[in-house]
Each structure stands twice: as structure tokens, then as C-alpha cells.
Amino acid sequence: MNHPNQYCLVVAILASCLVLAGCRGKEATAPGSAPSAATATVGEQTASQPTYRFRIHAQLPEFVFTLVGDQLSESKDTLHVKKIEVRRGVSSEPIQVIEGLDTATPISSNLPALAVLDMNFDGYGDIRLVESQPAGPNIPYLNWLFEPGSGRFVESPALNAITSPEFDPENRKIRSNWRDGATRYGTDVYVVEKDGPVLVRKELKVYKAPGVYTSQVSELIDGVWKIVEQREVRDPEGR
């Protein structure tokens, strides 16, 4: 007869194995992307080479992205990304290597280091990498758009210049919320055209005192910027 302690040990080991098997390869929808077109799975990782698996289009095989770099000495949760290796399907060799990077990318569950979302609204998932994690809300990203013809990801300087972009595929717009110091807050609105994003609206709030600010809205009308709204706002529950 088996000893009761031995039996309990076997049960515990089997339970642990089942938990690990259930967690491996769990698929989750990437932020800002359509579940049918772009999904992501975080693969096995090492500290300096986290790997992400994305399906950027229903008719394309899975893409595998490996961030290659070094952990910064001052933070174990920050990766100095030097390059991104791109693989397709089950290929072991990269089909593209994005080099020349110099980032301080946070590696945490709160902010995905690498994300896939359709940033030019062409039906294909694109990729963006967090360049750094500032103390404030102005998060800088590096962005690459997928080119169906070449099968490669091409950097977009126009998107790189937009702070903390939020994508609205239904209206083909991009919203950028930013802050300049303690008293200036803004929202920039872009429309996505064939040649890239075009800034069409600027909303600015400048605080004069706690709960008191000037609101100014400007719009691009016939190629000319015009102020369409300007007023003073008193908001006792505000900043």
C-alpha cells in the first residue's frame, strides 16, 4: 500500500502539470484590434528576448516577433531593445530584422511592450513598440505598418510623432491625448488618409487656477486653421 504522504505528493504534481498545460499558449485579443483579424499570444520568454505571436490577418500565417536587447541595470522590468526579429509561420529563420533601435521599453503586464493593431485601417494588423515609459501620460511609440505586397513591416515616422495615439477604425480617426506641464492639456485628432495621418482638430485646455481653465478648439477648414470655440470654464471638481 502506498504511503499517504506519497499519494498526496503525486496528486500535487499532477495538479501543477495540469495548470501549466492550461496556461500555455493562451490566446488573447490584442489591444485595439479586431479578434477575427489580429490576435496575439505571448510565447516563452527570456529576460532579454521576449517573444510575441500575432495573427495580423485571417488569411495569413502567424507572425512571431522577438525583442532582442539587454535589461537595463537600473530596472529589471525595462528592456533596452536593439532589434526585432520577425518570423512567419513555423520558420526558424527571420524574414525581417528591424535594427537600429535604442529603447527603454517597459516589460510588464500593465502596458504591452509590443502590440498589434490596425493603425492605417487597411484590414491588416500593424505593430508598435513602447519606446519608453515616461512619468507622465505622454507615451512614445515606435510604429511599423504592414505592407501586404512585400510582406514586410515599414516604419512610420508620421505615427512615431503622435503621442499616446488611440485608434478609431469606425471613423478612421486617431486621437492623441497629451499633457505639457501641470497646466496645459490637449487632444489632437487626426484623420487617416492614403498618405498617412492628417491633423484636423486641436483641443487645448490651459488652467489659470485649480478648477478654472480656458478651452480652445481649432479645426483645419479648407487648409486653414480656424478657432471654432474659445471659452472660460469653471469646474470645481476638476484639477
C-alpha atoms as a PDB file:
ATOM      1  CA  MET A   1       0.000   0.000   0.000  1.00  0.00           C
ATOM      2  CA  ASN A   2       1.286   3.470  -0.900  1.00  0.00           C
ATOM      3  CA  HIS A   3       2.114   5.810   1.924  1.00  0.00           C
ATOM      4  CA  PRO A   4      -0.490   8.621   2.300  1.00  0.00           C
ATOM      5  CA  ASN A   5       2.200  11.326   2.017  1.00  0.00           C
ATOM      6  CA  GLN A   6       3.477   9.828  -1.233  1.00  0.00           C
ATOM      7  CA  TYR A   7      -0.060   9.784  -2.640  1.00  0.00           C
ATOM      8  CA  CYS A   8      -0.582  13.476  -1.775  1.00  0.00           C
ATOM      9  CA  LEU A   9       2.730  14.380  -3.415  1.00  0.00           C
ATOM     10  CA  VAL A  10       1.739  12.641  -6.664  1.00  0.00           C
ATOM     11  CA  VAL A  11      -1.638  14.422  -6.722  1.00  0.00           C
ATOM     12  CA  ALA A  12       0.032  17.810  -6.172  1.00  0.00           C
ATOM     13  CA  ILE A  13       2.491  17.214  -9.023  1.00  0.00           C
ATOM     14  CA  LEU A  14      -0.305  16.172 -11.402  1.00  0.00           C
ATOM     15  CA  ALA A  15      -2.354  19.251 -10.488  1.00  0.00           C
ATOM     16  CA  SER A  16       0.611  21.525 -11.146  1.00  0.00           C
ATOM     17  CA  CYS A  17       1.158  19.969 -14.548  1.00  0.00           C
ATOM     18  CA  LEU A  18      -2.469  20.483 -15.495  1.00  0.00           C
ATOM     19  CA  VAL A  19      -2.340  24.165 -14.511  1.00  0.00           C
ATOM     20  CA  LEU A  20       0.792  24.748 -16.576  1.00  0.00           C
ATOM     21  CA  ALA A  21      -0.669  22.936 -19.567  1.00  0.00           C
ATOM     22  CA  GLY A  22      -3.820  25.013 -19.399  1.00  0.00           C
ATOM     23  CA  CYS A  23      -1.915  28.328 -19.311  1.00  0.00           C
ATOM     24  CA  ARG A  24       0.500  27.589 -22.121  1.00  0.00           C
ATOM     25  CA  GLY A  25      -0.442  29.173 -25.431  1.00  0.00           C
ATOM     26  CA  LYS A  26      -3.473  31.047 -24.138  1.00  0.00           C
ATOM     27  CA  GLU A  27      -4.630  33.411 -26.864  1.00  0.00           C
ATOM     28  CA  ALA A  28      -5.860  36.930 -26.183  1.00  0.00           C
ATOM     29  CA  THR A  29      -7.114  39.675 -28.427  1.00  0.00           C
ATOM     30  CA  ALA A  30      -4.507  42.365 -28.915  1.00  0.00           C
ATOM     31  CA  PRO A  31      -5.448  45.880 -27.748  1.00  0.00           C
ATOM     32  CA  GLY A  32      -7.221  47.896 -30.424  1.00  0.00           C
ATOM     33  CA  SER A  33      -7.528  45.070 -32.922  1.00  0.00           C
ATOM     34  CA  ALA A  34     -10.377  43.033 -34.334  1.00  0.00           C
ATOM     35  CA  PRO A  35     -10.477  39.486 -32.889  1.00  0.00           C
ATOM     36  CA  SER A  36     -11.001  37.915 -36.326  1.00  0.00           C
ATOM     37  CA  ALA A  37      -8.048  39.668 -37.907  1.00  0.00           C
ATOM     38  CA  ALA A  38      -5.372  40.233 -35.281  1.00  0.00           C
ATOM     39  CA  THR A  39      -4.801  38.204 -32.152  1.00  0.00           C
ATOM     40  CA  ALA A  40      -1.730  37.739 -30.017  1.00  0.00           C
ATOM     41  CA  THR A  41      -0.150  35.108 -27.818  1.00  0.00           C
ATOM     42  CA  VAL A  42       2.857  35.757 -25.615  1.00  0.00           C
ATOM     43  CA  GLY A  43       5.271  32.888 -26.120  1.00  0.00           C
ATOM     44  CA  GLU A  44       8.049  31.583 -23.937  1.00  0.00           C
ATOM     45  CA  GLN A  45      10.373  34.401 -22.932  1.00  0.00           C
ATOM     46  CA  THR A  46      13.801  35.087 -21.573  1.00  0.00           C
ATOM     47  CA  ALA A  47      14.630  38.321 -19.797  1.00  0.00           C
ATOM     48  CA  SER A  48      16.409  39.790 -22.823  1.00  0.00           C
ATOM     49  CA  GLN A  49      14.381  38.182 -25.628  1.00  0.00           C
ATOM     50  CA  PRO A  50      10.613  38.252 -25.017  1.00  0.00           C
ATOM     51  CA  THR A  51       8.680  36.646 -27.874  1.00  0.00           C
ATOM     52  CA  TYR A  52       5.191  37.539 -29.113  1.00  0.00           C
ATOM     53  CA  ARG A  53       2.980  35.658 -31.569  1.00  0.00           C
ATOM     54  CA  PHE A  54       0.481  37.652 -33.627  1.00  0.00           C
ATOM     55  CA  ARG A  55      -2.052  36.806 -36.268  1.00  0.00           C
ATOM     56  CA  ILE A  56      -2.339  40.045 -38.200  1.00  0.00           C
ATOM     57  CA  HIS A  57      -4.837  38.794 -40.796  1.00  0.00           C
ATOM     58  CA  ALA A  58      -7.180  35.833 -41.024  1.00  0.00           C
ATOM     59  CA  GLN A  59      -5.645  34.706 -44.333  1.00  0.00           C
ATOM     60  CA  LEU A  60      -2.015  34.961 -43.240  1.00  0.00           C
ATOM     61  CA  PRO A  61       0.019  32.596 -41.075  1.00  0.00           C
ATOM     62  CA  GLU A  62       1.023  33.568 -37.577  1.00  0.00           C
ATOM     63  CA  PHE A  63       3.885  36.035 -37.171  1.00  0.00           C
ATOM     64  CA  VAL A  64       6.457  35.649 -34.403  1.00  0.00           C
ATOM     65  CA  PHE A  65       8.302  38.700 -33.046  1.00  0.00           C
ATOM     66  CA  THR A  66      11.332  38.514 -30.775  1.00  0.00           C
ATOM     67  CA  LEU A  67      12.608  41.611 -28.988  1.00  0.00           C
ATOM     68  CA  VAL A  68      16.377  41.352 -28.754  1.00  0.00           C
ATOM     69  CA  GLY A  69      18.178  43.523 -26.242  1.00  0.00           C
ATOM     70  CA  ASP A  70      19.553  43.891 -22.748  1.00  0.00           C
ATOM     71  CA  GLN A  71      17.868  44.543 -19.451  1.00  0.00           C
ATOM     72  CA  LEU A  72      18.747  47.968 -18.096  1.00  0.00           C
ATOM     73  CA  SER A  73      20.762  47.744 -14.904  1.00  0.00           C
ATOM     74  CA  GLU A  74      18.529  50.205 -13.052  1.00  0.00           C
ATOM     75  CA  SER A  75      15.341  48.246 -13.708  1.00  0.00           C
ATOM     76  CA  LYS A  76      14.685  44.546 -14.259  1.00  0.00           C
ATOM     77  CA  ASP A  77      11.365  45.462 -15.887  1.00  0.00           C
ATOM     78  CA  THR A  78      12.943  47.631 -18.594  1.00  0.00           C
ATOM     79  CA  LEU A  79      14.444  46.255 -21.809  1.00  0.00           C
ATOM     80  CA  HIS A  80      16.944  48.085 -23.966  1.00  0.00           C
ATOM     81  CA  VAL A  81      15.611  46.816 -27.310  1.00  0.00           C
ATOM     82  CA  LYS A  82      18.234  46.791 -30.067  1.00  0.00           C
ATOM     83  CA  LYS A  83      16.340  44.918 -32.769  1.00  0.00           C
ATOM     84  CA  ILE A  84      13.171  42.995 -33.558  1.00  0.00           C
ATOM     85  CA  GLU A  85      13.367  39.640 -35.315  1.00  0.00           C
ATOM     86  CA  VAL A  86      10.307  38.831 -37.421  1.00  0.00           C
ATOM     87  CA  ARG A  87       9.426  35.234 -38.306  1.00  0.00           C
ATOM     88  CA  ARG A  88       6.476  33.870 -40.211  1.00  0.00           C
ATOM     89  CA  GLY A  89       4.642  30.622 -39.651  1.00  0.00           C
ATOM     90  CA  VAL A  90       6.919  27.840 -38.396  1.00  0.00           C
ATOM     91  CA  SER A  91      10.083  29.272 -39.963  1.00  0.00           C
ATOM     92  CA  SER A  92      13.089  29.308 -37.648  1.00  0.00           C
ATOM     93  CA  GLU A  93      14.887  31.972 -39.691  1.00  0.00           C
ATOM     94  CA  PRO A  94      13.796  35.630 -39.559  1.00  0.00           C
ATOM     95  CA  ILE A  95      12.165  37.004 -42.691  1.00  0.00           C
ATOM     96  CA  GLN A  96      12.928  40.529 -41.463  1.00  0.00           C
ATOM     97  CA  VAL A  97      15.141  42.096 -38.823  1.00  0.00           C
ATOM     98  CA  ILE A  98      14.260  45.606 -37.659  1.00  0.00           C
ATOM     99  CA  GLU A  99      17.562  47.041 -36.454  1.00  0.00           C
ATOM    100  CA  GLY A 100      18.983  50.311 -35.179  1.00  0.00           C
ATOM    101  CA  LEU A 101      16.687  50.538 -32.151  1.00  0.00           C
ATOM    102  CA  ASP A 102      17.623  52.160 -28.858  1.00  0.00           C
ATOM    103  CA  THR A 103      14.707  51.976 -26.434  1.00  0.00           C
ATOM    104  CA  ALA A 104      13.917  51.788 -22.732  1.00  0.00           C
ATOM    105  CA  THR A 105      10.866  49.571 -23.162  1.00  0.00           C
ATOM    106  CA  PRO A 106       8.912  48.511 -20.066  1.00  0.00           C
ATOM    107  CA  ILE A 107       8.243  44.777 -19.883  1.00  0.00           C
ATOM    108  CA  SER A 108       5.138  44.448 -17.731  1.00  0.00           C
ATOM    109  CA  SER A 109       1.554  43.264 -17.900  1.00  0.00           C
ATOM    110  CA  ASN A 110       0.173  46.777 -17.413  1.00  0.00           C
ATOM    111  CA  LEU A 111       1.497  48.104 -20.718  1.00  0.00           C
ATOM    112  CA  PRO A 112       2.174  45.611 -23.544  1.00  0.00           C
ATOM    113  CA  ALA A 113       5.691  46.176 -24.850  1.00  0.00           C
ATOM    114  CA  LEU A 114       4.706  45.085 -28.354  1.00  0.00           C
ATOM    115  CA  ALA A 115       1.138  45.313 -29.625  1.00  0.00           C
ATOM    116  CA  VAL A 116      -0.661  44.648 -32.880  1.00  0.00           C
ATOM    117  CA  LEU A 117      -3.474  46.856 -34.153  1.00  0.00           C
ATOM    118  CA  ASP A 118      -4.637  48.198 -37.496  1.00  0.00           C
ATOM    119  CA  MET A 119      -3.202  51.712 -37.468  1.00  0.00           C
ATOM    120  CA  ASN A 120      -3.911  52.684 -41.085  1.00  0.00           C
ATOM    121  CA  PHE A 121      -7.269  50.895 -41.270  1.00  0.00           C
ATOM    122  CA  ASP A 122      -6.397  48.686 -44.245  1.00  0.00           C
ATOM    123  CA  GLY A 123      -7.536  45.432 -42.619  1.00  0.00           C
ATOM    124  CA  TYR A 124      -4.020  44.255 -41.683  1.00  0.00           C
ATOM    125  CA  GLY A 125      -2.529  44.373 -38.220  1.00  0.00           C
ATOM    126  CA  ASP A 126       0.472  46.635 -37.735  1.00  0.00           C
ATOM    127  CA  ILE A 127       2.927  46.631 -34.823  1.00  0.00           C
ATOM    128  CA  ARG A 128       4.005  49.221 -32.321  1.00  0.00           C
ATOM    129  CA  LEU A 129       6.666  49.123 -29.615  1.00  0.00           C
ATOM    130  CA  VAL A 130       6.691  51.223 -26.460  1.00  0.00           C
ATOM    131  CA  GLU A 131       9.822  53.349 -26.770  1.00  0.00           C
ATOM    132  CA  SER A 132       9.911  54.357 -23.104  1.00  0.00           C
ATOM    133  CA  GLN A 133       7.667  54.817 -20.067  1.00  0.00           C
ATOM    134  CA  PRO A 134       7.631  58.480 -19.027  1.00  0.00           C
ATOM    135  CA  ALA A 135       6.469  59.674 -15.616  1.00  0.00           C
ATOM    136  CA  GLY A 136       3.516  61.462 -17.239  1.00  0.00           C
ATOM    137  CA  PRO A 137       0.865  60.295 -19.702  1.00  0.00           C
ATOM    138  CA  ASN A 138       2.783  61.120 -22.892  1.00  0.00           C
ATOM    139  CA  ILE A 139       3.786  57.628 -24.024  1.00  0.00           C
ATOM    140  CA  PRO A 140       6.038  57.485 -27.108  1.00  0.00           C
ATOM    141  CA  TYR A 141       5.689  54.557 -29.526  1.00  0.00           C
ATOM    142  CA  LEU A 142       7.672  53.266 -32.483  1.00  0.00           C
ATOM    143  CA  ASN A 143       5.337  52.079 -35.239  1.00  0.00           C
ATOM    144  CA  TRP A 144       5.628  49.814 -38.288  1.00  0.00           C
ATOM    145  CA  LEU A 145       2.892  49.355 -40.895  1.00  0.00           C
ATOM    146  CA  PHE A 146       2.467  46.010 -42.624  1.00  0.00           C
ATOM    147  CA  GLU A 147       2.795  46.111 -46.418  1.00  0.00           C
ATOM    148  CA  PRO A 148       0.769  43.236 -47.951  1.00  0.00           C
ATOM    149  CA  GLY A 149       2.713  43.415 -51.216  1.00  0.00           C
ATOM    150  CA  SER A 150       6.164  42.946 -49.707  1.00  0.00           C
ATOM    151  CA  GLY A 151       5.097  41.106 -46.557  1.00  0.00           C
ATOM    152  CA  ARG A 152       7.298  43.433 -44.512  1.00  0.00           C
ATOM    153  CA  PHE A 153       6.777  45.962 -41.749  1.00  0.00           C
ATOM    154  CA  VAL A 154       7.762  49.526 -42.663  1.00  0.00           C
ATOM    155  CA  GLU A 155       8.417  52.211 -40.072  1.00  0.00           C
ATOM    156  CA  SER A 156       6.010  55.168 -39.974  1.00  0.00           C
ATOM    157  CA  PRO A 157       7.695  58.418 -38.858  1.00  0.00           C
ATOM    158  CA  ALA A 158       4.298  60.158 -39.020  1.00  0.00           C
ATOM    159  CA  LEU A 159       2.844  57.788 -36.426  1.00  0.00           C
ATOM    160  CA  ASN A 160       6.012  57.944 -34.326  1.00  0.00           C
ATOM    161  CA  ALA A 161       5.425  61.688 -33.934  1.00  0.00           C
ATOM    162  CA  ILE A 162       1.952  61.182 -32.398  1.00  0.00           C
ATOM    163  CA  THR A 163       1.850  60.935 -28.605  1.00  0.00           C
ATOM    164  CA  SER A 164      -0.201  58.164 -26.986  1.00  0.00           C
ATOM    165  CA  PRO A 165      -2.399  57.525 -30.064  1.00  0.00           C
ATOM    166  CA  GLU A 166      -5.820  55.881 -29.733  1.00  0.00           C
ATOM    167  CA  PHE A 167      -7.267  54.406 -32.924  1.00  0.00           C
ATOM    168  CA  ASP A 168     -10.896  54.676 -34.050  1.00  0.00           C
ATOM    169  CA  PRO A 169     -11.309  52.373 -37.081  1.00  0.00           C
ATOM    170  CA  GLU A 170     -15.026  53.081 -37.446  1.00  0.00           C
ATOM    171  CA  ASN A 171     -14.398  56.777 -38.121  1.00  0.00           C
ATOM    172  CA  ARG A 172     -10.841  56.324 -39.461  1.00  0.00           C
ATOM    173  CA  LYS A 173      -9.501  58.736 -36.863  1.00  0.00           C
ATOM    174  CA  ILE A 174      -6.668  58.869 -34.356  1.00  0.00           C
ATOM    175  CA  ARG A 175      -6.907  60.702 -31.032  1.00  0.00           C
ATOM    176  CA  SER A 176      -3.825  61.831 -29.152  1.00  0.00           C
ATOM    177  CA  ASN A 177      -4.207  62.951 -25.541  1.00  0.00           C
ATOM    178  CA  TRP A 178      -1.189  64.787 -24.170  1.00  0.00           C
ATOM    179  CA  ARG A 179      -0.066  66.999 -21.306  1.00  0.00           C
ATOM    180  CA  ASP A 180       2.501  69.807 -21.295  1.00  0.00           C
ATOM    181  CA  GLY A 181       3.418  70.533 -17.710  1.00  0.00           C
ATOM    182  CA  ALA A 182       0.860  70.914 -14.938  1.00  0.00           C
ATOM    183  CA  THR A 183      -1.443  73.422 -16.624  1.00  0.00           C
ATOM    184  CA  ARG A 184      -1.673  72.557 -20.346  1.00  0.00           C
ATOM    185  CA  TYR A 185      -3.744  69.594 -21.571  1.00  0.00           C
ATOM    186  CA  GLY A 186      -4.568  68.802 -25.162  1.00  0.00           C
ATOM    187  CA  THR A 187      -6.254  66.385 -27.531  1.00  0.00           C
ATOM    188  CA  ASP A 188      -5.249  66.227 -31.190  1.00  0.00           C
ATOM    189  CA  VAL A 189      -7.494  64.494 -33.726  1.00  0.00           C
ATOM    190  CA  TYR A 190      -6.149  63.049 -36.973  1.00  0.00           C
ATOM    191  CA  VAL A 191      -7.918  61.551 -39.971  1.00  0.00           C
ATOM    192  CA  VAL A 192      -6.119  58.744 -41.779  1.00  0.00           C
ATOM    193  CA  GLU A 193      -5.732  59.359 -45.490  1.00  0.00           C
ATOM    194  CA  LYS A 194      -3.834  57.473 -48.175  1.00  0.00           C
ATOM    195  CA  ASP A 195      -0.578  59.288 -47.438  1.00  0.00           C
ATOM    196  CA  GLY A 196      -0.921  58.981 -43.669  1.00  0.00           C
ATOM    197  CA  PRO A 197      -2.488  60.768 -40.710  1.00  0.00           C
ATOM    198  CA  VAL A 198      -3.547  64.410 -41.110  1.00  0.00           C
ATOM    199  CA  LEU A 199      -4.135  66.647 -38.079  1.00  0.00           C
ATOM    200  CA  VAL A 200      -7.608  68.219 -38.392  1.00  0.00           C
ATOM    201  CA  ARG A 201      -8.628  69.264 -34.871  1.00  0.00           C
ATOM    202  CA  LYS A 202      -6.846  70.596 -31.771  1.00  0.00           C
ATOM    203  CA  GLU A 203      -8.446  70.860 -28.357  1.00  0.00           C
ATOM    204  CA  LEU A 204      -6.494  72.804 -25.724  1.00  0.00           C
ATOM    205  CA  LYS A 205      -7.152  73.377 -22.021  1.00  0.00           C
ATOM    206  CA  VAL A 206      -4.978  75.879 -20.119  1.00  0.00           C
ATOM    207  CA  TYR A 207      -5.562  76.124 -16.380  1.00  0.00           C
ATOM    208  CA  LYS A 208      -5.418  79.566 -14.756  1.00  0.00           C
ATOM    209  CA  ALA A 209      -6.213  78.236 -11.298  1.00  0.00           C
ATOM    210  CA  PRO A 210      -7.476  74.973  -9.806  1.00  0.00           C
ATOM    211  CA  GLY A 211     -10.842  74.264 -11.444  1.00  0.00           C
ATOM    212  CA  VAL A 212     -10.586  77.225 -13.833  1.00  0.00           C
ATOM    213  CA  TYR A 213      -9.293  76.854 -17.375  1.00  0.00           C
ATOM    214  CA  THR A 214      -9.530  78.294 -20.874  1.00  0.00           C
ATOM    215  CA  SER A 215     -10.845  75.914 -23.522  1.00  0.00           C
ATOM    216  CA  GLN A 216      -9.878  76.483 -27.145  1.00  0.00           C
ATOM    217  CA  VAL A 217     -10.826  74.314 -30.124  1.00  0.00           C
ATOM    218  CA  SER A 218      -9.247  74.780 -33.556  1.00  0.00           C
ATOM    219  CA  GLU A 219     -10.110  72.954 -36.770  1.00  0.00           C
ATOM    220  CA  LEU A 220      -8.458  72.685 -40.154  1.00  0.00           C
ATOM    221  CA  ILE A 221     -11.002  74.138 -42.587  1.00  0.00           C
ATOM    222  CA  ASP A 222     -10.148  74.337 -46.305  1.00  0.00           C
ATOM    223  CA  GLY A 223      -6.482  74.044 -45.453  1.00  0.00           C
ATOM    224  CA  VAL A 224      -6.556  76.886 -42.896  1.00  0.00           C
ATOM    225  CA  TRP A 225      -6.574  76.600 -39.105  1.00  0.00           C
ATOM    226  CA  LYS A 226      -9.527  78.401 -37.511  1.00  0.00           C
ATOM    227  CA  ILE A 227     -10.564  78.786 -33.878  1.00  0.00           C
ATOM    228  CA  VAL A 228     -14.115  77.442 -33.696  1.00  0.00           C
ATOM    229  CA  GLU A 229     -14.596  77.661 -29.940  1.00  0.00           C
ATOM    230  CA  GLN A 230     -12.998  79.549 -27.073  1.00  0.00           C
ATOM    231  CA  ARG A 231     -14.392  79.968 -23.569  1.00  0.00           C
ATOM    232  CA  GLU A 232     -13.520  80.022 -19.905  1.00  0.00           C
ATOM    233  CA  VAL A 233     -14.663  77.035 -17.887  1.00  0.00           C
ATOM    234  CA  ARG A 234     -15.117  76.738 -14.129  1.00  0.00           C
ATOM    235  CA  ASP A 235     -15.075  73.138 -12.939  1.00  0.00           C
ATOM    236  CA  PRO A 236     -14.931  72.862  -9.127  1.00  0.00           C
ATOM    237  CA  GLU A 237     -14.491  69.100  -9.392  1.00  0.00           C
ATOM    238  CA  GLY A 238     -11.669  69.398 -11.941  1.00  0.00           C
ATOM    239  CA  ARG A 239      -7.909  69.536 -11.466  1.00  0.00           C
END
